């Protein structure tokens, strides 16, 4: 198994009450297989979070982000060996035309419909924080090796799940 840095970016592009979502259907052995997530990915050597964000956005969507904000850091533990620190962004402006993605299907989804998608349970927590315009946050999400969330800690305080 290839050793990769546990640093990643995750970004939700927002326009007209919708988020751009990626339905991960292509990769085999993908921790996100069949899930709906934002765009992003693993840092390359010597990249800053912003460099990773901009590169991944271009690679996955064909878009060049021009207005974006770092909203929080998510510590993700799948319970089956996948562990990462995600720098969570939202973006509201970009240049270019949306292209197809090699990792799945991109779709604009109404924000109020997001929770009906096949999401990680913890994603619902940070979607709520984004919706509430919560100040910069640190969120730790721990799963049991399946899709069941067993622990969520927001800014050092355990959340009831």
N, C-alpha and C. Protein backbone atom coordinates (compact mmCIF):
# COMPACT_ATOMS: atom_id res chain seq x y z
N UNK A 1 0.85 -1.18 0.00
CA UNK A 1 0.00 0.00 0.00
C UNK A 1 0.89 1.24 0.00
N UNK A 2 0.54 2.19 -0.84
CA UNK A 2 1.30 3.43 -0.95
C UNK A 2 1.12 4.28 0.29
N UNK A 3 2.23 4.77 0.83
CA UNK A 3 2.18 5.64 1.99
C UNK A 3 1.91 7.06 1.51
N UNK A 4 0.85 7.68 2.00
CA UNK A 4 0.52 9.05 1.60
C UNK A 4 0.36 9.91 2.83
N UNK A 5 0.61 11.18 2.64
CA UNK A 5 0.46 12.10 3.74
C UNK A 5 -0.99 12.14 4.20
N UNK A 6 -1.20 12.24 5.49
CA UNK A 6 -2.58 12.31 5.97
C UNK A 6 -3.16 13.72 5.89
N UNK A 7 -2.56 14.60 5.09
CA UNK A 7 -3.06 15.97 4.92
C UNK A 7 -3.84 16.07 3.63
N UNK A 8 -5.07 16.57 3.72
CA UNK A 8 -5.91 16.72 2.54
C UNK A 8 -6.67 18.04 2.59
N UNK A 9 -7.23 18.40 1.44
CA UNK A 9 -8.16 19.52 1.38
C UNK A 9 -9.52 18.97 0.97
N UNK A 10 -10.56 19.66 1.39
CA UNK A 10 -11.93 19.34 1.02
C UNK A 10 -12.63 20.68 0.82
N UNK A 11 -13.30 20.84 -0.32
CA UNK A 11 -13.90 22.14 -0.63
C UNK A 11 -15.30 21.96 -1.20
N UNK A 12 -16.18 22.84 -0.76
CA UNK A 12 -17.54 22.90 -1.29
C UNK A 12 -17.72 24.21 -2.02
N UNK A 13 -17.90 24.13 -3.34
CA UNK A 13 -18.20 25.31 -4.14
C UNK A 13 -19.67 25.62 -3.96
N UNK A 14 -19.99 26.88 -3.71
CA UNK A 14 -21.37 27.28 -3.41
C UNK A 14 -21.83 28.33 -4.41
N UNK A 15 -23.04 28.11 -4.95
CA UNK A 15 -23.68 29.11 -5.81
C UNK A 15 -25.20 28.91 -5.73
N UNK A 16 -25.93 30.00 -5.65
CA UNK A 16 -27.40 29.98 -5.72
C UNK A 16 -28.03 28.91 -4.84
N UNK A 17 -27.58 28.78 -3.58
CA UNK A 17 -28.18 27.82 -2.66
C UNK A 17 -27.83 26.37 -2.97
N UNK A 18 -26.75 26.14 -3.70
CA UNK A 18 -26.33 24.79 -4.04
C UNK A 18 -24.85 24.62 -3.74
N UNK A 19 -24.46 23.36 -3.47
CA UNK A 19 -23.06 22.98 -3.37
C UNK A 19 -22.73 22.07 -4.54
N UNK A 20 -21.51 22.20 -5.05
CA UNK A 20 -21.03 21.26 -6.05
C UNK A 20 -20.57 20.01 -5.30
N UNK A 21 -21.19 18.89 -5.62
CA UNK A 21 -20.89 17.63 -4.94
C UNK A 21 -20.28 16.65 -5.94
N UNK A 22 -19.39 15.81 -5.42
CA UNK A 22 -18.76 14.76 -6.22
C UNK A 22 -19.26 13.41 -5.73
N UNK A 23 -19.93 12.68 -6.61
CA UNK A 23 -20.38 11.32 -6.29
C UNK A 23 -19.24 10.38 -6.67
N UNK A 24 -18.56 9.82 -5.67
CA UNK A 24 -17.36 9.01 -5.89
C UNK A 24 -17.75 7.60 -6.34
N UNK A 25 -17.67 7.35 -7.63
CA UNK A 25 -18.12 6.07 -8.17
C UNK A 25 -17.04 5.33 -8.95
N UNK A 26 -15.88 5.93 -9.18
CA UNK A 26 -14.93 5.38 -10.13
C UNK A 26 -13.86 4.50 -9.49
N UNK A 27 -13.17 5.01 -8.48
CA UNK A 27 -12.02 4.30 -7.89
C UNK A 27 -12.46 3.05 -7.14
N UNK A 28 -11.68 1.98 -7.33
CA UNK A 28 -11.86 0.79 -6.49
C UNK A 28 -11.07 1.04 -5.22
N UNK A 29 -11.35 0.32 -4.16
CA UNK A 29 -10.64 0.48 -2.88
C UNK A 29 -10.59 1.94 -2.43
N UNK A 30 -11.70 2.61 -2.56
CA UNK A 30 -11.80 4.03 -2.22
C UNK A 30 -12.60 4.14 -0.92
N UNK A 31 -12.02 4.76 0.12
CA UNK A 31 -12.74 4.93 1.38
C UNK A 31 -14.04 5.71 1.15
N UNK A 32 -14.09 6.52 0.09
CA UNK A 32 -15.28 7.32 -0.22
C UNK A 32 -16.17 6.69 -1.29
N UNK A 33 -15.95 5.43 -1.64
CA UNK A 33 -16.72 4.77 -2.70
C UNK A 33 -18.22 4.94 -2.46
N UNK A 34 -18.91 5.44 -3.49
CA UNK A 34 -20.37 5.66 -3.51
C UNK A 34 -20.84 6.79 -2.60
N UNK A 35 -19.92 7.48 -1.93
CA UNK A 35 -20.29 8.62 -1.10
C UNK A 35 -20.35 9.89 -1.95
N UNK A 36 -21.07 10.88 -1.45
CA UNK A 36 -21.10 12.22 -2.03
C UNK A 36 -20.22 13.09 -1.13
N UNK A 37 -19.22 13.71 -1.74
CA UNK A 37 -18.28 14.54 -0.98
C UNK A 37 -18.01 15.82 -1.78
N UNK A 38 -17.19 16.68 -1.22
CA UNK A 38 -16.72 17.84 -1.95
C UNK A 38 -15.52 17.47 -2.81
N UNK A 39 -14.89 18.47 -3.37
CA UNK A 39 -13.69 18.23 -4.17
C UNK A 39 -12.48 18.39 -3.28
N UNK A 40 -11.36 17.84 -3.71
CA UNK A 40 -10.13 17.98 -2.94
C UNK A 40 -9.30 16.73 -3.02
N UNK A 41 -8.26 16.69 -2.21
CA UNK A 41 -7.40 15.52 -2.22
C UNK A 41 -6.17 15.71 -1.38
N UNK A 42 -5.23 14.79 -1.55
CA UNK A 42 -4.01 14.76 -0.75
C UNK A 42 -3.00 15.82 -1.19
N UNK A 43 -2.31 16.36 -0.21
CA UNK A 43 -1.22 17.30 -0.47
C UNK A 43 -0.11 16.61 -1.25
N UNK A 44 0.52 17.34 -2.13
CA UNK A 44 1.76 16.89 -2.72
C UNK A 44 2.90 17.46 -1.88
N UNK A 45 4.08 16.88 -2.02
CA UNK A 45 5.25 17.28 -1.24
C UNK A 45 5.48 18.79 -1.35
N UNK A 46 5.62 19.44 -0.23
CA UNK A 46 5.91 20.88 -0.11
C UNK A 46 4.73 21.79 -0.43
N UNK A 47 3.53 21.26 -0.60
CA UNK A 47 2.38 22.13 -0.89
C UNK A 47 1.81 22.73 0.39
N UNK A 48 1.34 23.95 0.27
CA UNK A 48 0.55 24.57 1.34
C UNK A 48 -0.89 24.11 1.17
N UNK A 49 -1.74 24.32 2.18
CA UNK A 49 -3.15 23.97 2.00
C UNK A 49 -3.78 24.67 0.79
N UNK A 50 -3.46 25.95 0.60
CA UNK A 50 -4.05 26.69 -0.52
C UNK A 50 -3.56 26.16 -1.86
N UNK A 51 -2.29 25.81 -1.95
CA UNK A 51 -1.77 25.25 -3.20
C UNK A 51 -2.45 23.93 -3.52
N UNK A 52 -2.63 23.09 -2.50
CA UNK A 52 -3.33 21.82 -2.70
C UNK A 52 -4.77 22.07 -3.15
N UNK A 53 -5.45 22.97 -2.46
CA UNK A 53 -6.83 23.30 -2.80
C UNK A 53 -6.96 23.73 -4.26
N UNK A 54 -6.14 24.68 -4.67
CA UNK A 54 -6.23 25.22 -6.02
C UNK A 54 -5.89 24.17 -7.08
N UNK A 55 -4.86 23.36 -6.81
CA UNK A 55 -4.49 22.30 -7.76
C UNK A 55 -5.60 21.26 -7.88
N UNK A 56 -6.11 20.80 -6.74
CA UNK A 56 -7.16 19.78 -6.75
C UNK A 56 -8.44 20.31 -7.42
N UNK A 57 -8.80 21.56 -7.14
CA UNK A 57 -10.00 22.14 -7.77
C UNK A 57 -9.85 22.14 -9.28
N UNK A 58 -8.69 22.55 -9.76
CA UNK A 58 -8.44 22.58 -11.21
C UNK A 58 -8.48 21.17 -11.79
N UNK A 59 -7.81 20.21 -11.12
CA UNK A 59 -7.76 18.84 -11.63
C UNK A 59 -9.14 18.19 -11.66
N UNK A 60 -9.94 18.41 -10.62
CA UNK A 60 -11.22 17.69 -10.51
C UNK A 60 -12.38 18.39 -11.20
N UNK A 61 -12.28 19.71 -11.38
CA UNK A 61 -13.44 20.44 -11.94
C UNK A 61 -13.11 21.26 -13.18
N UNK A 62 -11.83 21.54 -13.42
CA UNK A 62 -11.45 22.43 -14.50
C UNK A 62 -11.56 23.89 -14.13
N UNK A 63 -11.98 24.19 -12.90
CA UNK A 63 -12.20 25.57 -12.46
C UNK A 63 -10.99 26.10 -11.69
N UNK A 64 -10.77 27.40 -11.81
CA UNK A 64 -9.74 28.09 -11.04
C UNK A 64 -10.43 28.92 -9.97
N UNK A 65 -10.28 28.53 -8.72
CA UNK A 65 -10.95 29.23 -7.62
C UNK A 65 -10.34 30.62 -7.45
N UNK A 66 -11.21 31.62 -7.27
CA UNK A 66 -10.74 33.00 -7.07
C UNK A 66 -11.18 33.57 -5.73
N UNK A 67 -12.24 33.04 -5.12
CA UNK A 67 -12.70 33.44 -3.78
C UNK A 67 -12.98 32.18 -2.98
N UNK A 68 -12.22 31.98 -1.91
CA UNK A 68 -12.40 30.79 -1.08
C UNK A 68 -12.00 31.14 0.34
N UNK A 69 -12.49 30.33 1.29
CA UNK A 69 -12.21 30.59 2.70
C UNK A 69 -11.97 29.27 3.41
N UNK A 70 -10.94 29.25 4.26
CA UNK A 70 -10.68 28.11 5.13
C UNK A 70 -11.66 28.19 6.29
N UNK A 71 -12.50 27.16 6.44
CA UNK A 71 -13.58 27.18 7.42
C UNK A 71 -13.28 26.36 8.66
N UNK A 72 -12.42 25.34 8.52
CA UNK A 72 -12.12 24.51 9.66
C UNK A 72 -11.15 23.40 9.31
N UNK A 73 -10.75 22.67 10.33
CA UNK A 73 -9.91 21.48 10.15
C UNK A 73 -10.69 20.30 10.71
N UNK A 74 -10.78 19.25 9.90
CA UNK A 74 -11.49 18.04 10.29
C UNK A 74 -10.48 16.91 10.43
N UNK A 75 -10.43 16.29 11.62
CA UNK A 75 -9.62 15.11 11.84
C UNK A 75 -10.53 13.92 11.58
N UNK A 76 -10.17 13.10 10.59
CA UNK A 76 -11.01 12.00 10.14
C UNK A 76 -10.31 10.68 10.42
N UNK A 77 -11.00 9.78 11.14
CA UNK A 77 -10.49 8.44 11.43
C UNK A 77 -11.58 7.45 11.06
N UNK A 78 -11.35 6.69 9.98
CA UNK A 78 -12.36 5.75 9.48
C UNK A 78 -12.52 4.53 10.38
N UNK A 79 -11.55 4.26 11.26
CA UNK A 79 -11.61 3.06 12.07
C UNK A 79 -11.12 1.83 11.34
N UNK A 80 -10.66 2.02 10.10
CA UNK A 80 -10.12 0.89 9.33
C UNK A 80 -8.79 1.24 8.68
N UNK A 81 -8.08 2.18 9.30
CA UNK A 81 -6.75 2.51 8.83
C UNK A 81 -6.63 3.80 8.03
N UNK A 82 -7.75 4.38 7.60
CA UNK A 82 -7.70 5.65 6.88
C UNK A 82 -7.79 6.77 7.91
N UNK A 83 -6.78 7.64 7.90
CA UNK A 83 -6.71 8.74 8.84
C UNK A 83 -6.20 9.95 8.09
N UNK A 84 -6.82 11.10 8.32
CA UNK A 84 -6.33 12.32 7.68
C UNK A 84 -6.79 13.56 8.41
N UNK A 85 -6.04 14.63 8.19
CA UNK A 85 -6.42 15.96 8.63
C UNK A 85 -6.89 16.69 7.37
N UNK A 86 -8.14 17.10 7.36
CA UNK A 86 -8.72 17.78 6.19
C UNK A 86 -8.84 19.26 6.47
N UNK A 87 -8.30 20.05 5.58
CA UNK A 87 -8.50 21.50 5.61
C UNK A 87 -9.78 21.76 4.82
N UNK A 88 -10.83 22.20 5.53
CA UNK A 88 -12.16 22.35 4.95
C UNK A 88 -12.37 23.78 4.46
N UNK A 89 -12.67 23.91 3.18
CA UNK A 89 -12.89 25.20 2.53
C UNK A 89 -14.28 25.29 1.93
N UNK A 90 -14.72 26.53 1.74
CA UNK A 90 -15.83 26.82 0.85
C UNK A 90 -15.31 27.82 -0.18
N UNK A 91 -15.89 27.79 -1.36
CA UNK A 91 -15.52 28.72 -2.42
C UNK A 91 -16.78 29.31 -3.02
N UNK A 92 -16.71 30.59 -3.34
CA UNK A 92 -17.90 31.28 -3.90
C UNK A 92 -17.65 31.89 -5.27
N UNK A 93 -16.40 31.94 -5.71
CA UNK A 93 -16.12 32.46 -7.05
C UNK A 93 -15.00 31.67 -7.70
N UNK A 94 -15.10 31.57 -9.03
CA UNK A 94 -14.12 30.82 -9.80
C UNK A 94 -14.21 31.26 -11.25
N UNK A 95 -13.19 30.89 -12.00
CA UNK A 95 -13.14 31.15 -13.44
C UNK A 95 -13.10 29.81 -14.16
N UNK A 96 -13.61 29.81 -15.39
CA UNK A 96 -13.55 28.61 -16.22
C UNK A 96 -14.90 27.92 -16.34
N UNK A 97 -14.88 26.83 -17.06
CA UNK A 97 -16.07 26.02 -17.28
C UNK A 97 -15.92 24.69 -16.57
N UNK A 98 -16.99 24.22 -15.96
CA UNK A 98 -16.98 22.95 -15.24
C UNK A 98 -16.69 21.81 -16.23
N UNK A 99 -15.70 20.99 -15.88
CA UNK A 99 -15.31 19.84 -16.70
C UNK A 99 -15.74 18.55 -16.01
N UNK A 100 -15.65 17.45 -16.70
CA UNK A 100 -15.97 16.17 -16.07
C UNK A 100 -14.82 15.77 -15.16
N UNK A 101 -15.11 14.91 -14.21
CA UNK A 101 -14.14 14.50 -13.19
C UNK A 101 -13.83 13.02 -13.35
N UNK A 102 -12.57 12.67 -13.28
CA UNK A 102 -12.15 11.27 -13.43
C UNK A 102 -12.46 10.42 -12.20
N UNK A 103 -12.91 11.05 -11.09
CA UNK A 103 -13.16 10.31 -9.86
C UNK A 103 -14.64 10.04 -9.60
N UNK A 104 -15.50 10.56 -10.46
CA UNK A 104 -16.94 10.36 -10.29
C UNK A 104 -17.70 11.45 -11.01
N UNK A 105 -18.96 11.63 -10.61
CA UNK A 105 -19.84 12.60 -11.27
C UNK A 105 -19.98 13.84 -10.39
N UNK A 106 -19.80 15.01 -11.02
CA UNK A 106 -20.02 16.29 -10.35
C UNK A 106 -21.46 16.72 -10.57
N UNK A 107 -22.09 17.21 -9.50
CA UNK A 107 -23.48 17.65 -9.62
C UNK A 107 -23.74 18.79 -8.64
N UNK A 108 -24.44 19.82 -9.12
CA UNK A 108 -24.90 20.89 -8.23
C UNK A 108 -26.12 20.39 -7.48
N UNK A 109 -26.08 20.43 -6.16
CA UNK A 109 -27.15 19.90 -5.31
C UNK A 109 -27.65 21.00 -4.40
N UNK A 110 -28.99 21.15 -4.31
CA UNK A 110 -29.58 22.12 -3.39
C UNK A 110 -29.11 21.82 -1.98
N UNK A 111 -28.66 22.85 -1.28
CA UNK A 111 -28.10 22.67 0.06
C UNK A 111 -29.11 21.98 0.99
N UNK A 112 -30.40 22.32 0.88
CA UNK A 112 -31.37 21.68 1.79
C UNK A 112 -31.59 20.20 1.46
N UNK A 113 -31.09 19.73 0.32
CA UNK A 113 -31.24 18.33 -0.08
C UNK A 113 -29.97 17.50 0.21
N UNK A 114 -28.91 18.16 0.64
CA UNK A 114 -27.62 17.49 0.85
C UNK A 114 -27.74 16.28 1.78
N UNK A 115 -28.46 16.44 2.88
CA UNK A 115 -28.53 15.35 3.87
C UNK A 115 -29.26 14.11 3.38
N UNK A 116 -29.93 14.18 2.22
CA UNK A 116 -30.60 13.01 1.67
C UNK A 116 -29.63 12.14 0.87
N UNK A 117 -28.42 12.65 0.63
CA UNK A 117 -27.42 11.91 -0.15
C UNK A 117 -26.68 10.92 0.74
N UNK A 118 -25.96 10.00 0.11
CA UNK A 118 -25.14 9.03 0.84
C UNK A 118 -23.86 9.74 1.28
N UNK A 119 -23.90 10.30 2.50
CA UNK A 119 -22.80 11.06 3.08
C UNK A 119 -22.18 10.29 4.23
N UNK A 120 -20.96 10.66 4.58
CA UNK A 120 -20.44 10.25 5.88
C UNK A 120 -21.29 10.94 6.94
N UNK A 121 -21.60 10.25 8.02
CA UNK A 121 -22.44 10.85 9.08
C UNK A 121 -21.84 12.15 9.62
N UNK A 122 -20.53 12.17 9.79
CA UNK A 122 -19.89 13.36 10.31
C UNK A 122 -19.97 14.56 9.38
N UNK A 123 -20.10 14.31 8.08
CA UNK A 123 -20.23 15.42 7.12
C UNK A 123 -21.47 16.25 7.45
N UNK A 124 -22.51 15.60 7.95
CA UNK A 124 -23.74 16.33 8.31
C UNK A 124 -23.44 17.35 9.40
N UNK A 125 -22.49 17.03 10.28
CA UNK A 125 -22.12 17.97 11.35
C UNK A 125 -21.44 19.19 10.75
N UNK A 126 -20.46 18.98 9.87
CA UNK A 126 -19.79 20.18 9.35
C UNK A 126 -20.65 20.92 8.34
N UNK A 127 -21.58 20.25 7.66
CA UNK A 127 -22.53 21.00 6.82
C UNK A 127 -23.37 21.94 7.70
N UNK A 128 -23.78 21.46 8.88
CA UNK A 128 -24.54 22.31 9.80
C UNK A 128 -23.69 23.50 10.25
N UNK A 129 -22.43 23.24 10.58
CA UNK A 129 -21.53 24.32 10.99
C UNK A 129 -21.34 25.34 9.87
N UNK A 130 -21.19 24.86 8.64
CA UNK A 130 -21.06 25.78 7.51
C UNK A 130 -22.33 26.60 7.34
N UNK A 131 -23.48 25.92 7.43
CA UNK A 131 -24.77 26.59 7.25
C UNK A 131 -24.98 27.67 8.33
N UNK A 132 -24.54 27.37 9.55
CA UNK A 132 -24.69 28.33 10.66
C UNK A 132 -23.60 29.40 10.63
N UNK A 133 -22.71 29.35 9.63
CA UNK A 133 -21.58 30.27 9.53
C UNK A 133 -20.76 30.28 10.82
N UNK A 134 -20.58 29.08 11.36
CA UNK A 134 -19.80 28.89 12.59
C UNK A 134 -18.38 29.42 12.36
N UNK A 135 -17.79 30.07 13.36
CA UNK A 135 -16.40 30.51 13.20
C UNK A 135 -15.46 29.32 12.98
N UNK A 136 -14.25 29.60 12.57
CA UNK A 136 -13.26 28.55 12.29
C UNK A 136 -13.32 27.48 13.39
N UNK A 137 -13.34 26.22 12.97
CA UNK A 137 -13.54 25.13 13.93
C UNK A 137 -12.58 23.98 13.69
N UNK A 138 -12.42 23.18 14.74
CA UNK A 138 -11.71 21.91 14.67
C UNK A 138 -12.72 20.83 15.04
N UNK A 139 -12.88 19.86 14.14
CA UNK A 139 -13.86 18.80 14.33
C UNK A 139 -13.17 17.46 14.15
N UNK A 140 -13.24 16.60 15.17
CA UNK A 140 -12.69 15.25 15.07
C UNK A 140 -13.83 14.27 14.92
N UNK A 141 -13.73 13.43 13.89
CA UNK A 141 -14.76 12.42 13.60
C UNK A 141 -14.12 11.04 13.60
N UNK A 142 -14.67 10.14 14.42
CA UNK A 142 -14.14 8.78 14.52
C UNK A 142 -15.26 7.81 14.19
N UNK A 143 -14.93 6.89 13.27
CA UNK A 143 -15.88 5.86 12.83
C UNK A 143 -15.44 4.50 13.35
N UNK A 144 -16.34 3.52 13.26
CA UNK A 144 -16.08 2.20 13.82
C UNK A 144 -15.54 1.20 12.81
N UNK A 145 -15.06 1.67 11.67
CA UNK A 145 -14.58 0.75 10.63
C UNK A 145 -15.64 0.49 9.59
N UNK A 146 -16.85 0.95 9.88
CA UNK A 146 -17.93 0.92 8.89
C UNK A 146 -18.33 2.39 8.70
N UNK A 147 -19.55 2.63 8.36
CA UNK A 147 -20.00 4.01 8.18
C UNK A 147 -20.60 4.60 9.46
N UNK A 148 -20.46 3.90 10.58
CA UNK A 148 -21.08 4.37 11.82
C UNK A 148 -20.14 5.30 12.58
N UNK A 149 -20.60 6.51 12.80
CA UNK A 149 -19.85 7.50 13.57
C UNK A 149 -19.95 7.14 15.05
N UNK A 150 -18.80 7.02 15.72
CA UNK A 150 -18.81 6.65 17.13
C UNK A 150 -18.39 7.80 18.04
N UNK A 151 -17.75 8.84 17.46
CA UNK A 151 -17.32 9.96 18.27
C UNK A 151 -17.19 11.20 17.41
N UNK A 152 -17.63 12.32 17.96
CA UNK A 152 -17.47 13.61 17.29
C UNK A 152 -17.09 14.62 18.36
N UNK A 153 -16.01 15.35 18.13
CA UNK A 153 -15.53 16.34 19.09
C UNK A 153 -15.35 17.66 18.35
N UNK A 154 -16.07 18.68 18.79
CA UNK A 154 -16.00 20.01 18.18
C UNK A 154 -15.26 20.95 19.11
N UNK A 155 -14.15 21.50 18.62
CA UNK A 155 -13.35 22.45 19.39
C UNK A 155 -13.05 21.94 20.81
N UNK A 156 -12.70 20.63 20.87
CA UNK A 156 -12.29 20.02 22.13
C UNK A 156 -13.43 19.54 23.01
N UNK A 157 -14.68 19.70 22.57
CA UNK A 157 -15.84 19.28 23.38
C UNK A 157 -16.62 18.20 22.64
N UNK A 158 -16.87 17.09 23.35
CA UNK A 158 -17.60 15.98 22.74
C UNK A 158 -19.01 16.41 22.37
N UNK A 159 -19.45 15.97 21.18
CA UNK A 159 -20.82 16.23 20.73
C UNK A 159 -21.65 14.98 20.96
N UNK A 160 -22.91 15.18 21.24
CA UNK A 160 -23.83 14.05 21.33
C UNK A 160 -24.17 13.62 19.90
N UNK A 161 -24.00 12.32 19.63
CA UNK A 161 -24.29 11.82 18.27
C UNK A 161 -25.39 10.79 18.28
